[in-house]
Amino acid sequence: MMSSSSASYESMMRINDISRWNGESLRESIKRHEHYLALQLCLKPGQKVLDVGCGIGGPLREIARFR
């Protein structure tokens, strides 16, 4: 369950300008971009990553599941 501050942040961060493939949902597009980032970083299982962005760590959680 998300905290109320996380839910508020998520609701404010509706991105509409991210590139999408035909028929791809926004969530699918974001996930594809996060997986691309993981591949570009050449992350290996067991490596540590410091997330210093502004937000609740959503991209890093998806990258961890992907790798």
PDB file of N, CA and C in Angstrom:
ATOM      1  N   MET A   1       0.830  -1.182   0.000  1.00  0.00           N
ATOM      2  CA  MET A   1       0.000   0.000   0.000  1.00  0.00           C
ATOM      3  C   MET A   1       0.876   1.248   0.000  1.00  0.00           C
ATOM      4  N   MET A   2       0.493   2.209  -0.804  1.00  0.00           N
ATOM      5  CA  MET A   2       1.254   3.440  -0.924  1.00  0.00           C
ATOM      6  C   MET A   2       0.901   4.404   0.198  1.00  0.00           C
ATOM      7  N   SER A   3       1.911   5.132   0.685  1.00  0.00           N
ATOM      8  CA  SER A   3       1.614   6.185   1.652  1.00  0.00           C
ATOM      9  C   SER A   3       0.867   7.303   0.939  1.00  0.00           C
ATOM     10  N   SER A   4       0.223   8.159   1.702  1.00  0.00           N
ATOM     11  CA  SER A   4      -0.543   9.243   1.070  1.00  0.00           C
ATOM     12  C   SER A   4       0.371  10.192   0.314  1.00  0.00           C
ATOM     13  N   SER A   5       1.594  10.427   0.816  1.00  0.00           N
ATOM     14  CA  SER A   5       2.510  11.311   0.093  1.00  0.00           C
ATOM     15  C   SER A   5       2.958  10.665  -1.215  1.00  0.00           C
ATOM     16  N   SER A   6       3.183   9.360  -1.212  1.00  0.00           N
ATOM     17  CA  SER A   6       3.553   8.661  -2.448  1.00  0.00           C
ATOM     18  C   SER A   6       2.417   8.704  -3.451  1.00  0.00           C
ATOM     19  N   ALA A   7       1.202   8.485  -2.979  1.00  0.00           N
ATOM     20  CA  ALA A   7       0.040   8.519  -3.865  1.00  0.00           C
ATOM     21  C   ALA A   7      -0.136   9.910  -4.464  1.00  0.00           C
ATOM     22  N   SER A   8       0.059  10.949  -3.659  1.00  0.00           N
ATOM     23  CA  SER A   8      -0.044  12.324  -4.162  1.00  0.00           C
ATOM     24  C   SER A   8       1.013  12.589  -5.221  1.00  0.00           C
ATOM     25  N   TYR A   9       2.237  12.160  -4.941  1.00  0.00           N
ATOM     26  CA  TYR A   9       3.322  12.357  -5.897  1.00  0.00           C
ATOM     27  C   TYR A   9       3.010  11.645  -7.206  1.00  0.00           C
ATOM     28  N   GLU A  10       2.565  10.396  -7.113  1.00  0.00           N
ATOM     29  CA  GLU A  10       2.236   9.623  -8.308  1.00  0.00           C
ATOM     30  C   GLU A  10       1.146  10.312  -9.124  1.00  0.00           C
ATOM     31  N   SER A  11       0.122  10.841  -8.455  1.00  0.00           N
ATOM     32  CA  SER A  11      -0.978  11.467  -9.185  1.00  0.00           C
ATOM     33  C   SER A  11      -0.546  12.761  -9.857  1.00  0.00           C
ATOM     34  N   MET A  12       0.439  13.454  -9.303  1.00  0.00           N
ATOM     35  CA  MET A  12       0.928  14.695  -9.909  1.00  0.00           C
ATOM     36  C   MET A  12       1.854  14.426 -11.090  1.00  0.00           C
ATOM     37  N   MET A  13       2.472  13.276 -11.129  1.00  0.00           N
ATOM     38  CA  MET A  13       3.507  13.001 -12.117  1.00  0.00           C
ATOM     39  C   MET A  13       2.975  12.224 -13.316  1.00  0.00           C
ATOM     40  N   ARG A  14       1.871  12.623 -13.862  1.00  0.00           N
ATOM     41  CA  ARG A  14       1.328  11.996 -15.066  1.00  0.00           C
ATOM     42  C   ARG A  14       2.088  12.546 -16.261  1.00  0.00           C
ATOM     43  N   ILE A  15       2.948  11.738 -16.837  1.00  0.00           N
ATOM     44  CA  ILE A  15       3.806  12.176 -17.941  1.00  0.00           C
ATOM     45  C   ILE A  15       3.079  11.905 -19.253  1.00  0.00           C
ATOM     46  N   ASN A  16       2.923  12.926 -20.068  1.00  0.00           N
ATOM     47  CA  ASN A  16       2.229  12.764 -21.339  1.00  0.00           C
ATOM     48  C   ASN A  16       3.141  12.925 -22.543  1.00  0.00           C
ATOM     49  N   ASP A  17       4.383  13.325 -22.333  1.00  0.00           N
ATOM     50  CA  ASP A  17       5.259  13.574 -23.470  1.00  0.00           C
ATOM     51  C   ASP A  17       6.323  12.495 -23.677  1.00  0.00           C
ATOM     52  N   ILE A  18       6.208  11.368 -23.005  1.00  0.00           N
ATOM     53  CA  ILE A  18       7.162  10.284 -23.182  1.00  0.00           C
ATOM     54  C   ILE A  18       6.836   9.545 -24.482  1.00  0.00           C
ATOM     55  N   SER A  19       7.864   9.174 -25.222  1.00  0.00           N
ATOM     56  CA  SER A  19       7.618   8.523 -26.512  1.00  0.00           C
ATOM     57  C   SER A  19       7.004   7.139 -26.306  1.00  0.00           C
ATOM     58  N   ARG A  20       5.997   6.848 -27.119  1.00  0.00           N
ATOM     59  CA  ARG A  20       5.299   5.559 -27.027  1.00  0.00           C
ATOM     60  C   ARG A  20       5.249   4.912 -28.398  1.00  0.00           C
ATOM     61  N   TRP A  21       5.276   3.590 -28.411  1.00  0.00           N
ATOM     62  CA  TRP A  21       5.062   2.849 -29.641  1.00  0.00           C
ATOM     63  C   TRP A  21       3.566   2.734 -29.867  1.00  0.00           C
ATOM     64  N   ASN A  22       3.154   2.456 -31.077  1.00  0.00           N
ATOM     65  CA  ASN A  22       1.728   2.335 -31.395  1.00  0.00           C
ATOM     66  C   ASN A  22       1.037   1.351 -30.465  1.00  0.00           C
ATOM     67  N   GLY A  23      -0.038   1.802 -29.853  1.00  0.00           N
ATOM     68  CA  GLY A  23      -0.830   0.940 -28.988  1.00  0.00           C
ATOM     69  C   GLY A  23      -0.243   0.701 -27.611  1.00  0.00           C
ATOM     70  N   GLU A  24       0.911   1.263 -27.324  1.00  0.00           N
ATOM     71  CA  GLU A  24       1.576   1.046 -26.043  1.00  0.00           C
ATOM     72  C   GLU A  24       0.984   1.983 -24.989  1.00  0.00           C
ATOM     73  N   SER A  25       0.677   1.442 -23.826  1.00  0.00           N
ATOM     74  CA  SER A  25       0.168   2.282 -22.742  1.00  0.00           C
ATOM     75  C   SER A  25       1.314   3.101 -22.157  1.00  0.00           C
ATOM     76  N   LEU A  26       0.956   4.116 -21.396  1.00  0.00           N
ATOM     77  CA  LEU A  26       1.976   4.933 -20.746  1.00  0.00           C
ATOM     78  C   LEU A  26       2.833   4.075 -19.825  1.00  0.00           C
ATOM     79  N   ARG A  27       2.207   3.200 -19.040  1.00  0.00           N
ATOM     80  CA  ARG A  27       2.959   2.334 -18.115  1.00  0.00           C
ATOM     81  C   ARG A  27       3.919   1.422 -18.872  1.00  0.00           C
ATOM     82  N   GLU A  28       3.466   0.846 -19.990  1.00  0.00           N
ATOM     83  CA  GLU A  28       4.335  -0.020 -20.796  1.00  0.00           C
ATOM     84  C   GLU A  28       5.516   0.768 -21.349  1.00  0.00           C
ATOM     85  N   SER A  29       5.269   1.994 -21.768  1.00  0.00           N
ATOM     86  CA  SER A  29       6.331   2.834 -22.305  1.00  0.00           C
ATOM     87  C   SER A  29       7.366   3.170 -21.234  1.00  0.00           C
ATOM     88  N   ILE A  30       6.892   3.546 -20.057  1.00  0.00           N
ATOM     89  CA  ILE A  30       7.809   3.864 -18.962  1.00  0.00           C
ATOM     90  C   ILE A  30       8.637   2.639 -18.598  1.00  0.00           C
ATOM     91  N   LYS A  31       7.992   1.483 -18.515  1.00  0.00           N
ATOM     92  CA  LYS A  31       8.691   0.238 -18.183  1.00  0.00           C
ATOM     93  C   LYS A  31       9.763  -0.074 -19.233  1.00  0.00           C
ATOM     94  N   ARG A  32       9.421   0.115 -20.508  1.00  0.00           N
ATOM     95  CA  ARG A  32      10.389  -0.124 -21.583  1.00  0.00           C
ATOM     96  C   ARG A  32      11.591   0.811 -21.442  1.00  0.00           C
ATOM     97  N   HIS A  33      11.356   2.077 -21.120  1.00  0.00           N
ATOM     98  CA  HIS A  33      12.449   3.027 -20.934  1.00  0.00           C
ATOM     99  C   HIS A  33      13.314   2.645 -19.728  1.00  0.00           C
ATOM    100  N   GLU A  34      12.692   2.186 -18.665  1.00  0.00           N
ATOM    101  CA  GLU A  34      13.447   1.768 -17.481  1.00  0.00           C
ATOM    102  C   GLU A  34      14.305   0.542 -17.782  1.00  0.00           C
ATOM    103  N   HIS A  35      13.789  -0.397 -18.542  1.00  0.00           N
ATOM    104  CA  HIS A  35      14.563  -1.586 -18.921  1.00  0.00           C
ATOM    105  C   HIS A  35      15.727  -1.188 -19.825  1.00  0.00           C
ATOM    106  N   TYR A  36      15.488  -0.253 -20.738  1.00  0.00           N
ATOM    107  CA  TYR A  36      16.558   0.241 -21.610  1.00  0.00           C
ATOM    108  C   TYR A  36      17.671   0.868 -20.764  1.00  0.00           C
ATOM    109  N   LEU A  37      17.293   1.661 -19.776  1.00  0.00           N
ATOM    110  CA  LEU A  37      18.276   2.276 -18.891  1.00  0.00           C
ATOM    111  C   LEU A  37      19.098   1.209 -18.169  1.00  0.00           C
ATOM    112  N   ALA A  38      18.440   0.171 -17.679  1.00  0.00           N
ATOM    113  CA  ALA A  38      19.154  -0.910 -16.991  1.00  0.00           C
ATOM    114  C   ALA A  38      20.159  -1.576 -17.921  1.00  0.00           C
ATOM    115  N   LEU A  39      19.771  -1.807 -19.158  1.00  0.00           N
ATOM    116  CA  LEU A  39      20.684  -2.424 -20.124  1.00  0.00           C
ATOM    117  C   LEU A  39      21.861  -1.509 -20.428  1.00  0.00           C
ATOM    118  N   GLN A  40      21.606  -0.206 -20.562  1.00  0.00           N
ATOM    119  CA  GLN A  40      22.674   0.747 -20.858  1.00  0.00           C
ATOM    120  C   GLN A  40      23.673   0.863 -19.705  1.00  0.00           C
ATOM    121  N   LEU A  41      23.204   0.670 -18.488  1.00  0.00           N
ATOM    122  CA  LEU A  41      24.078   0.740 -17.319  1.00  0.00           C
ATOM    123  C   LEU A  41      24.871  -0.545 -17.100  1.00  0.00           C
ATOM    124  N   CYS A  42      24.541  -1.591 -17.855  1.00  0.00           N
ATOM    125  CA  CYS A  42      25.225  -2.894 -17.735  1.00  0.00           C
ATOM    126  C   CYS A  42      25.202  -3.405 -16.292  1.00  0.00           C
ATOM    127  N   LEU A  43      24.065  -3.251 -15.648  1.00  0.00           N
ATOM    128  CA  LEU A  43      23.951  -3.695 -14.261  1.00  0.00           C
ATOM    129  C   LEU A  43      23.946  -5.210 -14.180  1.00  0.00           C
ATOM    130  N   LYS A  44      24.633  -5.718 -13.175  1.00  0.00           N
ATOM    131  CA  LYS A  44      24.703  -7.153 -12.931  1.00  0.00           C
ATOM    132  C   LYS A  44      24.017  -7.459 -11.601  1.00  0.00           C
ATOM    133  N   PRO A  45      23.456  -8.664 -11.452  1.00  0.00           N
ATOM    134  CA  PRO A  45      22.850  -9.043 -10.170  1.00  0.00           C
ATOM    135  C   PRO A  45      23.848  -8.870  -9.030  1.00  0.00           C
ATOM    136  N   GLY A  46      23.402  -8.308  -7.937  1.00  0.00           N
ATOM    137  CA  GLY A  46      24.251  -8.107  -6.770  1.00  0.00           C
ATOM    138  C   GLY A  46      24.920  -6.748  -6.707  1.00  0.00           C
ATOM    139  N   GLN A  47      24.954  -6.018  -7.823  1.00  0.00           N
ATOM    140  CA  GLN A  47      25.544  -4.686  -7.796  1.00  0.00           C
ATOM    141  C   GLN A  47      24.639  -3.741  -7.021  1.00  0.00           C
ATOM    142  N   LYS A  48      25.245  -2.714  -6.445  1.00  0.00           N
ATOM    143  CA  LYS A  48      24.479  -1.718  -5.700  1.00  0.00           C
ATOM    144  C   LYS A  48      24.340  -0.459  -6.545  1.00  0.00           C
ATOM    145  N   VAL A  49      23.168   0.160  -6.430  1.00  0.00           N
ATOM    146  CA  VAL A  49      22.880   1.392  -7.155  1.00  0.00           C
ATOM    147  C   VAL A  49      22.322   2.396  -6.163  1.00  0.00           C
ATOM    148  N   LEU A  50      22.823   3.610  -6.216  1.00  0.00           N
ATOM    149  CA  LEU A  50      22.316   4.677  -5.367  1.00  0.00           C
ATOM    150  C   LEU A  50      21.378   5.539  -6.193  1.00  0.00           C
ATOM    151  N   ASP A  51      20.138   5.609  -5.783  1.00  0.00           N
ATOM    152  CA  ASP A  51      19.132   6.428  -6.456  1.00  0.00           C
ATOM    153  C   ASP A  51      19.084   7.775  -5.747  1.00  0.00           C
ATOM    154  N   VAL A  52      19.579   8.822  -6.407  1.00  0.00           N
ATOM    155  CA  VAL A  52      19.600  10.152  -5.802  1.00  0.00           C
ATOM    156  C   VAL A  52      18.636  11.100  -6.508  1.00  0.00           C
ATOM    157  N   GLY A  53      17.686  10.539  -7.224  1.00  0.00           N
ATOM    158  CA  GLY A  53      16.702  11.360  -7.931  1.00  0.00           C
ATOM    159  C   GLY A  53      15.666  11.926  -6.981  1.00  0.00           C
ATOM    160  N   CYS A  54      14.785  12.695  -7.525  1.00  0.00           N
ATOM    161  CA  CYS A  54      13.674  13.258  -6.754  1.00  0.00           C
ATOM    162  C   CYS A  54      12.453  12.401  -7.018  1.00  0.00           C
ATOM    163  N   GLY A  55      11.928  11.798  -6.012  1.00  0.00           N
ATOM    164  CA  GLY A  55      10.757  10.956  -6.205  1.00  0.00           C
ATOM    165  C   GLY A  55      10.710   9.843  -5.185  1.00  0.00           C
ATOM    166  N   ILE A  56       9.998   8.794  -5.549  1.00  0.00           N
ATOM    167  CA  ILE A  56       9.772   7.690  -4.610  1.00  0.00           C
ATOM    168  C   ILE A  56      10.492   6.408  -5.025  1.00  0.00           C
ATOM    169  N   GLY A  57      11.383   6.489  -6.015  1.00  0.00           N
ATOM    170  CA  GLY A  57      12.192   5.335  -6.390  1.00  0.00           C
ATOM    171  C   GLY A  57      11.533   4.335  -7.308  1.00  0.00           C
ATOM    172  N   GLY A  58      10.461   4.717  -7.977  1.00  0.00           N
ATOM    173  CA  GLY A  58       9.755   3.798  -8.874  1.00  0.00           C
ATOM    174  C   GLY A  58      10.628   3.207  -9.963  1.00  0.00           C
ATOM    175  N   PRO A  59      11.393   4.025 -10.702  1.00  0.00           N
ATOM    176  CA  PRO A  59      12.241   3.464 -11.755  1.00  0.00           C
ATOM    177  C   PRO A  59      13.267   2.468 -11.219  1.00  0.00           C
ATOM    178  N   LEU A  60      13.864   2.771 -10.086  1.00  0.00           N
ATOM    179  CA  LEU A  60      14.872   1.864  -9.536  1.00  0.00           C
ATOM    180  C   LEU A  60      14.259   0.531  -9.118  1.00  0.00           C
ATOM    181  N   ARG A  61      13.042   0.562  -8.590  1.00  0.00           N
ATOM    182  CA  ARG A  61      12.376  -0.701  -8.223  1.00  0.00           C
ATOM    183  C   ARG A  61      12.128  -1.554  -9.464  1.00  0.00           C
ATOM    184  N   GLU A  62      11.697  -0.932 -10.555  1.00  0.00           N
ATOM    185  CA  GLU A  62      11.456  -1.683 -11.792  1.00  0.00           C
ATOM    186  C   GLU A  62      12.761  -2.222 -12.356  1.00  0.00           C
ATOM    187  N   ILE A  63      13.825  -1.433 -12.310  1.00  0.00           N
ATOM    188  CA  ILE A  63      15.133  -1.884 -12.797  1.00  0.00           C
ATOM    189  C   ILE A  63      15.610  -3.079 -11.971  1.00  0.00           C
ATOM    190  N   ALA A  64      15.413  -3.040 -10.659  1.00  0.00           N
ATOM    191  CA  ALA A  64      15.817  -4.161  -9.797  1.00  0.00           C
ATOM    192  C   ALA A  64      15.051  -5.431 -10.157  1.00  0.00           C
ATOM    193  N   ARG A  65      13.748  -5.308 -10.445  1.00  0.00           N
ATOM    194  CA  ARG A  65      12.969  -6.484 -10.849  1.00  0.00           C
ATOM    195  C   ARG A  65      13.437  -7.002 -12.200  1.00  0.00           C
ATOM    196  N   PHE A  66      13.773  -6.100 -13.105  1.00  0.00           N
ATOM    197  CA  PHE A  66      14.192  -6.465 -14.460  1.00  0.00           C
ATOM    198  C   PHE A  66      15.534  -7.182 -14.449  1.00  0.00           C
ATOM    199  N   ARG A  67      16.479  -6.711 -13.669  1.00  0.00           N
ATOM    200  CA  ARG A  67      17.829  -7.281 -13.644  1.00  0.00           C
ATOM    201  C   ARG A  67      17.880  -8.402 -12.651  1.00  0.00           C
TER     202      ARG A  67
END
